[in-house]
Structure formats: C-alpha cells, structure tokens
Amino acid sequence: MAASLQGEALTVDGSTAVLSWQGGLGTMAGYGTYGSGTLTLEVSYNGSGGTYFAVGNETTLSVDGHGNFDLPAGVHLRSTLASSSGASLTIEILSRRPHA
C-alpha cells in the first residue's frame, strides 16, 4: 500500500485504493464533478479489509475543496463517493509532514 494517494479518479460510486497511513497530519482534496454525490474520507483501525467509518466533517465534501486530519500510524484510509450520478472526481490524500 502506498503512503499517499495522488490523482486517483472516481467516476462512479465506490472507494479509492486503500492507503496505509504513516501517521500525523494529512490533507484530503477532491475536485471535479460531484454529480450530486458526497466524497468522504474513511478510516479503518482493524486492517485494510476492516470496518471503515468517516474521519469527520472536515473531510466530507460535496463541492471542490480539502480538509485536514490527524491520525495515528498504522490506520488504513480510503475515500468513498456515494449517491452520485455522472461524477468525475480527482482525489488526493497527502501527508503534511514538514520537509527535511
């Protein structure tokens, strides 16, 4: 699993690839056509095939935008698009760690 997710596209309801988070601050961004849908950053604490739930309001989008989060190392992340019709979204999940 990757440490960041850059430029993954969603055009129908479903989820992005699962990302193994290295811990700390991060940003999720979504942009494009939402098709009346909602994009939600989800976290699982019990493995990539485990139960996922929403990270929070700041990372739940229905228009172009971004939201920040702070999660521990070892959790698994994905973005899920729901209730859309004709969507064409690009999703980014990036670490906000300071540059060395």
Protein backbone atom coordinates (compact mmCIF):
# COMPACT_ATOMS: atom_id res chain seq x y z
CA MET A 1 0.00 0.00 0.00
CA ALA A 2 1.15 3.49 -0.83
CA ALA A 3 1.95 6.26 1.68
CA SER A 4 0.00 8.88 -0.29
CA LEU A 5 -2.73 8.87 -2.90
CA GLN A 6 -2.28 11.32 -5.75
CA GLY A 7 -4.61 11.91 -8.63
CA GLU A 8 -6.88 8.87 -8.26
CA ALA A 9 -10.11 9.23 -10.22
CA LEU A 10 -13.62 8.18 -9.24
CA THR A 11 -16.38 8.30 -11.87
CA VAL A 12 -18.97 6.07 -10.15
CA ASP A 13 -19.94 5.42 -6.55
CA GLY A 14 -17.22 3.42 -4.80
CA SER A 15 -13.92 3.72 -2.99
CA THR A 16 -10.34 4.60 -3.87
CA ALA A 17 -7.43 2.27 -3.27
CA VAL A 18 -6.61 1.71 0.41
CA LEU A 19 -3.75 3.77 1.82
CA SER A 20 -1.65 2.68 4.81
CA TRP A 21 -1.22 5.92 6.78
CA GLN A 22 2.23 6.65 8.28
CA GLY A 23 0.74 8.84 10.98
CA GLY A 24 0.37 12.55 11.64
CA LEU A 25 -1.23 15.43 9.82
CA GLY A 26 -2.69 14.99 6.37
CA THR A 27 -4.94 16.64 3.80
CA MET A 28 -7.61 15.12 1.58
CA ALA A 29 -8.64 17.09 -1.51
CA GLY A 30 -11.39 16.35 -4.01
CA TYR A 31 -12.10 18.27 -7.18
CA GLY A 32 -14.11 17.83 -10.36
CA THR A 33 -17.78 16.99 -10.92
CA TYR A 34 -19.54 15.52 -7.89
CA GLY A 35 -22.77 14.61 -9.71
CA SER A 36 -24.73 15.49 -6.52
CA GLY A 37 -22.63 12.95 -4.62
CA THR A 38 -20.63 13.12 -1.41
CA LEU A 39 -16.94 12.25 -1.02
CA THR A 40 -15.94 11.00 2.44
CA LEU A 41 -12.50 10.19 3.86
CA GLU A 42 -12.83 6.94 5.79
CA VAL A 43 -10.54 5.23 8.31
CA SER A 44 -10.17 1.64 9.48
CA TYR A 45 -8.35 0.76 12.68
CA ASN A 46 -8.55 -3.01 12.12
CA GLY A 47 -6.86 -3.63 8.79
CA SER A 48 -7.42 -2.77 5.15
CA GLY A 49 -10.37 -5.16 4.94
CA GLY A 50 -11.85 -3.98 8.23
CA THR A 51 -14.72 -1.71 9.10
CA TYR A 52 -14.42 1.85 7.76
CA PHE A 53 -16.07 4.97 9.15
CA ALA A 54 -15.96 8.69 8.37
CA VAL A 55 -12.95 10.63 9.68
CA GLY A 56 -15.03 13.77 10.26
CA ASN A 57 -16.98 16.70 8.82
CA GLU A 58 -13.88 18.49 7.53
CA THR A 59 -13.07 15.55 5.22
CA THR A 60 -16.62 15.05 3.90
CA LEU A 61 -17.06 17.05 0.67
CA SER A 62 -19.86 17.68 -1.83
CA VAL A 63 -18.06 20.50 -3.70
CA ASP A 64 -14.41 21.07 -4.64
CA GLY A 65 -12.31 21.52 -1.53
CA HIS A 66 -9.99 19.97 1.00
CA GLY A 67 -9.93 19.01 4.65
CA ASN A 68 -7.21 18.29 7.17
CA PHE A 69 -6.91 15.39 9.58
CA ASP A 70 -4.55 13.96 12.20
CA LEU A 71 -4.46 10.17 12.56
CA PRO A 72 -2.07 7.68 14.15
CA ALA A 73 0.32 5.48 12.19
CA GLY A 74 -0.94 2.12 11.00
CA VAL A 75 -4.54 3.03 10.20
CA HIS A 76 -5.92 2.48 6.72
CA LEU A 77 -7.56 5.27 4.70
CA ARG A 78 -9.75 5.42 1.63
CA SER A 79 -12.10 7.96 0.06
CA THR A 80 -15.62 6.87 -0.83
CA LEU A 81 -18.02 8.52 -3.27
CA ALA A 82 -21.73 7.92 -2.61
CA SER A 83 -25.09 8.99 -4.10
CA SER A 84 -23.56 10.39 -7.30
CA SER A 85 -24.69 10.43 -10.91
CA GLY A 86 -22.24 11.39 -13.66
CA ALA A 87 -19.36 12.13 -11.29
CA SER A 88 -15.79 12.70 -12.42
CA LEU A 89 -13.59 13.39 -9.39
CA THR A 90 -9.89 13.52 -8.69
CA ILE A 91 -8.84 12.64 -5.13
CA GLU A 92 -5.57 13.41 -3.34
CA ILE A 93 -4.57 12.24 0.16
CA LEU A 94 -1.24 13.76 1.17
CA SER A 95 0.97 13.91 4.26
CA ARG A 96 1.55 17.35 5.76
CA ARG A 97 4.83 16.44 7.44
CA PRO A 98 7.47 19.16 7.36
CA HIS A 99 10.14 18.82 4.69
CA ALA A 100 13.53 17.66 5.97
